[in-house]
């Protein structure tokens, strides 16, 4: 009696053609759906990768069409610190960005709260004035403001860029006001019924609820000051000890225009702090921008 042999691999079955085609269609659908996002990511990361790779090349290779370093020259970053007072420029930039952001929040939050909550004659006119200041190019008033600071003998320093933040910033006031009008009045009315003054309502009720918007506005202001070139050029161009990173990087590029590896290394060092800050604060930043509506 002959015994028929069982199949060698009873449990292993070849994949059905329909399953493979379904996976292929799903992959193509994913690529088509995210093609624009992938293309934008490549467009954003491509220049950054080029800067990083060039920063690690030698002087000779940086002048060629090579895209990949023959050797990894990490000493280029140390050489940048030897050839330029990068730490002093960093300290000036931190002073400018830090104090300007703090002064801006200190002055803009009360103004935005008043425009969002208080009912007074001329409120709409004041709000339109804030919008008009947003549309005014800073170059229009640069000369008269410079003459004012020259009379106070503050030109050649960063204080003409820092002190005006005590008077508020139109863009920050607008964003904060747009967020504060979305907070239900029931919260502030309940606090006032309990005996809180307007200042206490602002500090204890409104500010905790507006933390995402405040964080977004603070990051906007900090990044603007960090990257500002026009302001430091106008007031500190004749005082190298007061230069910020943006102005110092421009001078470093002009002095070492042939040494593109050092120029790219300095550029990467200037970019690194803001990239790190945004990486850790992106959740709060995106939340604040999303919640800041356009409610009138």
Protein backbone atom coordinates (compact mmCIF):
# COMPACT_ATOMS: atom_id res chain seq x y z
CA UNK A 1 0.00 0.00 0.00
CA UNK A 2 1.58 3.27 -1.08
CA UNK A 3 1.47 6.31 1.14
CA UNK A 4 1.12 9.72 -0.55
CA UNK A 5 3.72 12.19 0.78
CA UNK A 6 2.36 15.34 2.38
CA UNK A 7 3.44 18.71 0.98
CA UNK A 8 6.81 19.81 2.35
CA UNK A 9 5.59 23.15 3.53
CA UNK A 10 1.95 22.79 4.39
CA UNK A 11 1.63 26.18 6.18
CA UNK A 12 3.64 28.27 3.73
CA UNK A 13 1.49 29.60 0.95
CA UNK A 14 2.62 31.98 -1.75
CA UNK A 15 1.28 35.47 -1.47
CA UNK A 16 -1.81 36.03 -3.50
CA UNK A 17 -1.34 38.34 -6.48
CA UNK A 18 -4.13 40.54 -5.19
CA UNK A 19 -2.31 41.18 -1.87
CA UNK A 20 0.92 42.21 -3.60
CA UNK A 21 -0.90 44.54 -5.94
CA UNK A 22 -2.81 46.04 -3.01
CA UNK A 23 0.48 46.74 -1.21
CA UNK A 24 1.91 48.33 -4.34
CA UNK A 25 -1.15 50.52 -4.73
CA UNK A 26 -0.92 51.53 -1.06
CA UNK A 27 2.75 52.47 -1.47
CA UNK A 28 2.03 54.50 -4.60
CA UNK A 29 -0.89 56.19 -2.85
CA UNK A 30 1.37 57.13 0.09
CA UNK A 31 4.01 58.56 -2.25
CA UNK A 32 1.42 60.53 -4.21
CA UNK A 33 -0.18 61.82 -1.02
CA UNK A 34 3.09 62.93 0.57
CA UNK A 35 5.02 63.88 -2.58
CA UNK A 36 4.66 67.61 -1.97
CA UNK A 37 5.69 67.29 1.68
CA UNK A 38 8.70 65.14 0.74
CA UNK A 39 9.71 67.61 -1.98
CA UNK A 40 9.46 70.55 0.44
CA UNK A 41 11.48 68.64 3.05
CA UNK A 42 14.22 67.96 0.51
CA UNK A 43 14.20 71.61 -0.58
CA UNK A 44 14.57 72.69 3.06
CA UNK A 45 17.16 70.12 4.15
CA UNK A 46 19.22 70.24 0.94
CA UNK A 47 20.87 73.65 1.57
CA UNK A 48 21.40 72.76 5.24
CA UNK A 49 23.15 69.52 4.27
CA UNK A 50 25.27 71.42 1.73
CA UNK A 51 26.37 73.91 4.39
CA UNK A 52 27.21 71.11 6.87
CA UNK A 53 29.21 69.09 4.32
CA UNK A 54 31.11 72.13 3.03
CA UNK A 55 31.97 73.11 6.61
CA UNK A 56 33.85 69.82 6.99
CA UNK A 57 35.91 70.14 3.78
CA UNK A 58 39.41 71.48 3.28
CA UNK A 59 40.05 74.88 1.71
CA UNK A 60 41.01 73.32 -1.60
CA UNK A 61 38.07 70.92 -1.81
CA UNK A 62 35.53 73.61 -0.85
CA UNK A 63 36.38 75.43 -4.11
CA UNK A 64 35.63 72.35 -6.21
CA UNK A 65 32.33 70.83 -7.33
CA UNK A 66 32.61 67.96 -4.82
CA UNK A 67 29.59 67.45 -2.60
CA UNK A 68 31.11 64.93 -0.18
CA UNK A 69 34.20 65.65 1.95
CA UNK A 70 37.32 63.60 1.27
CA UNK A 71 38.21 63.96 4.95
CA UNK A 72 36.20 65.16 7.94
CA UNK A 73 37.88 68.35 9.16
CA UNK A 74 36.19 68.98 12.50
CA UNK A 75 38.95 71.44 13.34
CA UNK A 76 37.28 74.02 11.08
CA UNK A 77 34.85 74.85 13.88
CA UNK A 78 37.69 75.44 16.35
CA UNK A 79 39.48 77.59 13.79
CA UNK A 80 36.40 79.80 13.48
CA UNK A 81 36.61 80.59 17.21
CA UNK A 82 40.31 81.41 16.79
CA UNK A 83 39.79 83.80 13.88
CA UNK A 84 36.65 85.59 15.05
CA UNK A 85 35.34 86.76 18.46
CA UNK A 86 32.33 84.49 18.12
CA UNK A 87 31.66 84.28 21.86
CA UNK A 88 31.53 88.09 22.16
CA UNK A 89 29.14 88.28 19.21
CA UNK A 90 27.05 85.57 20.86
CA UNK A 91 26.92 87.51 24.13
CA UNK A 92 25.81 90.68 22.33
CA UNK A 93 23.15 88.75 20.44
CA UNK A 94 21.84 87.11 23.61
CA UNK A 95 21.70 90.51 25.31
CA UNK A 96 19.84 92.04 22.37
CA UNK A 97 17.44 89.14 21.82
CA UNK A 98 16.84 88.37 25.50
CA UNK A 99 16.17 91.89 26.73
CA UNK A 100 14.16 92.84 23.65
CA UNK A 101 11.93 89.79 24.05
CA UNK A 102 11.44 90.41 27.77
CA UNK A 103 10.67 94.12 27.28
CA UNK A 104 8.33 93.31 24.41
CA UNK A 105 6.29 90.88 26.50
CA UNK A 106 6.25 93.26 29.46
CA UNK A 107 4.78 96.07 27.37
CA UNK A 108 2.72 94.23 24.74
CA UNK A 109 0.69 91.92 27.00
CA UNK A 110 -1.09 94.73 28.95
CA UNK A 111 -1.85 96.61 25.71
CA UNK A 112 -3.25 93.49 24.07
CA UNK A 113 -5.33 92.75 27.17
CA UNK A 114 -6.75 96.27 27.19
CA UNK A 115 -7.66 96.10 23.49
CA UNK A 116 -9.28 92.69 23.95
CA UNK A 117 -11.22 93.23 27.20
CA UNK A 118 -11.75 96.89 28.00
CA UNK A 119 -14.56 98.97 26.50
CA UNK A 120 -13.40 102.54 26.00
CA UNK A 121 -13.85 105.31 23.48
CA UNK A 122 -11.39 105.04 20.61
CA UNK A 123 -10.61 101.35 21.15
CA UNK A 124 -11.18 100.44 17.49
CA UNK A 125 -9.13 103.45 16.40
CA UNK A 126 -6.28 102.31 18.62
CA UNK A 127 -6.47 98.81 17.17
CA UNK A 128 -6.37 100.20 13.64
CA UNK A 129 -3.34 102.22 14.70
CA UNK A 130 -1.60 99.00 15.74
CA UNK A 131 -2.38 97.47 12.35
CA UNK A 132 -1.08 100.60 10.60
CA UNK A 133 2.19 100.36 12.53
CA UNK A 134 2.58 96.78 11.30
CA UNK A 135 2.42 98.04 7.72
CA UNK A 136 4.94 100.87 8.25
CA UNK A 137 8.41 99.93 6.92
CA UNK A 138 11.12 100.61 9.52
CA UNK A 139 13.29 102.31 6.90
CA UNK A 140 10.77 105.16 6.68
CA UNK A 141 11.44 106.36 10.23
CA UNK A 142 15.07 105.20 10.48
CA UNK A 143 16.65 108.64 9.99
CA UNK A 144 14.59 110.64 12.54
CA UNK A 145 14.84 107.87 15.12
CA UNK A 146 18.59 107.66 14.58
CA UNK A 147 18.90 111.41 15.18
CA UNK A 148 16.95 111.06 18.43
CA UNK A 149 19.27 108.34 19.73
CA UNK A 150 22.30 110.32 18.58
CA UNK A 151 21.21 113.20 20.83
CA UNK A 152 21.16 110.77 23.76
CA UNK A 153 24.64 109.56 22.69
CA UNK A 154 23.50 105.95 22.49
CA UNK A 155 24.55 105.27 18.92
CA UNK A 156 27.32 102.70 18.74
CA UNK A 157 25.45 100.49 21.23
CA UNK A 158 22.55 98.06 21.08
CA UNK A 159 20.32 100.11 23.39
CA UNK A 160 18.54 101.95 20.53
CA UNK A 161 17.30 98.50 19.47
CA UNK A 162 16.40 97.28 22.97
CA UNK A 163 14.77 100.25 24.68
CA UNK A 164 12.00 100.80 22.07
CA UNK A 165 10.63 97.37 23.00
CA UNK A 166 9.44 98.95 26.27
CA UNK A 167 6.84 100.75 24.14
CA UNK A 168 5.46 97.52 22.71
CA UNK A 169 5.60 95.78 19.36
CA UNK A 170 2.70 96.13 16.92
CA UNK A 171 2.91 92.59 15.54
CA UNK A 172 3.05 91.04 19.02
CA UNK A 173 0.16 93.18 20.26
CA UNK A 174 -1.93 92.11 17.28
CA UNK A 175 -1.28 88.39 17.78
CA UNK A 176 -1.85 88.51 21.53
CA UNK A 177 -5.05 90.52 21.14
CA UNK A 178 -6.40 88.03 18.61
CA UNK A 179 -5.83 85.22 21.07
CA UNK A 180 -7.17 87.01 24.15
CA UNK A 181 -10.52 87.76 22.52
CA UNK A 182 -11.07 84.00 22.19
CA UNK A 183 -10.92 83.48 25.98
CA UNK A 184 -14.50 83.27 27.32
CA UNK A 185 -15.51 86.27 29.40
CA UNK A 186 -17.06 83.98 32.00
CA UNK A 187 -13.62 83.25 33.45
CA UNK A 188 -12.65 86.89 33.91
CA UNK A 189 -16.14 87.89 35.11
CA UNK A 190 -16.08 85.13 37.73
CA UNK A 191 -12.70 86.34 38.98
CA UNK A 192 -13.97 89.91 39.24
CA UNK A 193 -17.02 88.71 41.19
CA UNK A 194 -14.61 87.10 43.65
CA UNK A 195 -12.99 90.49 44.18
CA UNK A 196 -10.00 90.35 41.81
CA UNK A 197 -8.78 93.57 40.27
CA UNK A 198 -8.05 93.87 36.56
CA UNK A 199 -4.33 93.41 37.20
CA UNK A 200 -4.93 90.30 39.29
CA UNK A 201 -7.29 88.90 36.64
CA UNK A 202 -4.56 89.42 34.06
CA UNK A 203 -1.88 87.76 36.16
CA UNK A 204 -3.87 84.89 37.68
CA UNK A 205 -6.47 84.04 35.02
CA UNK A 206 -5.54 85.38 31.60
CA UNK A 207 -1.78 84.76 31.50
CA UNK A 208 -1.98 81.03 32.41
CA UNK A 209 -4.59 80.50 29.70
CA UNK A 210 -2.58 82.50 27.14
CA UNK A 211 0.73 80.69 27.63
CA UNK A 212 0.76 79.11 24.12
CA UNK A 213 0.21 82.50 22.45
CA UNK A 214 2.79 84.18 24.70
CA UNK A 215 5.32 81.47 23.89
CA UNK A 216 4.68 81.85 20.16
CA UNK A 217 5.06 85.64 20.32
CA UNK A 218 8.23 85.32 22.42
CA UNK A 219 9.76 82.94 19.88
CA UNK A 220 8.83 85.26 17.02
CA UNK A 221 10.50 88.18 18.78
CA UNK A 222 13.59 86.19 19.80
CA UNK A 223 14.15 84.79 16.32
CA UNK A 224 13.69 88.23 14.75
CA UNK A 225 16.31 89.78 17.01
CA UNK A 226 18.67 86.83 16.53
CA UNK A 227 18.56 87.19 12.74
CA UNK A 228 18.34 91.00 12.64
CA UNK A 229 21.02 92.53 10.45
CA UNK A 230 19.64 95.94 9.54
CA UNK A 231 19.34 97.26 13.11
CA UNK A 232 22.84 96.31 14.33
CA UNK A 233 24.31 97.53 11.03
CA UNK A 234 22.63 100.92 11.48
CA UNK A 235 23.66 101.53 15.09
CA UNK A 236 26.81 99.45 15.72
CA UNK A 237 28.63 99.33 12.36
CA UNK A 238 31.36 101.61 13.74
CA UNK A 239 31.66 99.70 17.05
CA UNK A 240 32.93 96.14 16.39
CA UNK A 241 32.80 95.30 20.09
CA UNK A 242 29.00 95.66 19.92
CA UNK A 243 28.45 93.51 16.84
CA UNK A 244 25.88 90.72 16.91
CA UNK A 245 26.20 87.32 15.24
CA UNK A 246 24.46 88.40 12.04
CA UNK A 247 26.67 91.45 11.55
CA UNK A 248 29.80 89.60 12.63
CA UNK A 249 29.05 86.73 10.27
CA UNK A 250 28.74 89.17 7.36
CA UNK A 251 32.15 90.68 8.19
CA UNK A 252 33.67 87.22 8.63
CA UNK A 253 32.36 86.18 5.21
CA UNK A 254 33.93 89.23 3.57
CA UNK A 255 37.29 88.56 5.25
CA UNK A 256 37.32 84.83 4.44
CA UNK A 257 35.40 84.80 1.18
CA UNK A 258 37.85 82.35 -0.40
CA UNK A 259 37.76 79.96 2.55
CA UNK A 260 34.23 78.72 2.08
CA UNK A 261 34.73 75.87 4.54
CA UNK A 262 35.32 78.34 7.39
CA UNK A 263 32.46 80.55 6.21
CA UNK A 264 30.08 77.58 6.20
CA UNK A 265 31.36 76.44 9.60
CA UNK A 266 30.66 79.88 11.05
CA UNK A 267 27.23 79.90 9.41
CA UNK A 268 26.41 76.52 10.93
CA UNK A 269 27.49 77.70 14.39
CA UNK A 270 25.23 80.75 14.10
CA UNK A 271 22.27 78.66 12.93
CA UNK A 272 22.63 75.88 15.50
CA UNK A 273 21.22 77.66 18.61
CA UNK A 274 17.97 78.78 16.98
CA UNK A 275 17.45 75.36 15.39
CA UNK A 276 17.90 73.71 18.79
CA UNK A 277 15.52 76.19 20.47
CA UNK A 278 12.85 75.66 17.82
CA UNK A 279 13.29 71.87 17.99
CA UNK A 280 12.49 71.79 21.70
CA UNK A 281 9.81 74.51 21.57
CA UNK A 282 8.07 73.59 18.33
CA UNK A 283 5.06 72.00 20.06
CA UNK A 284 4.29 75.15 22.06
CA UNK A 285 5.10 77.35 19.07
CA UNK A 286 2.76 75.50 16.69
CA UNK A 287 0.03 75.36 19.33
CA UNK A 288 0.25 79.09 19.93
CA UNK A 289 0.16 79.94 16.23
CA UNK A 290 -2.77 77.58 15.68
CA UNK A 291 -4.81 78.95 18.57
CA UNK A 292 -4.17 82.57 17.61
CA UNK A 293 -7.25 83.15 15.47
CA UNK A 294 -8.56 86.11 13.57
CA UNK A 295 -11.63 86.71 15.67
CA UNK A 296 -12.61 90.37 15.73
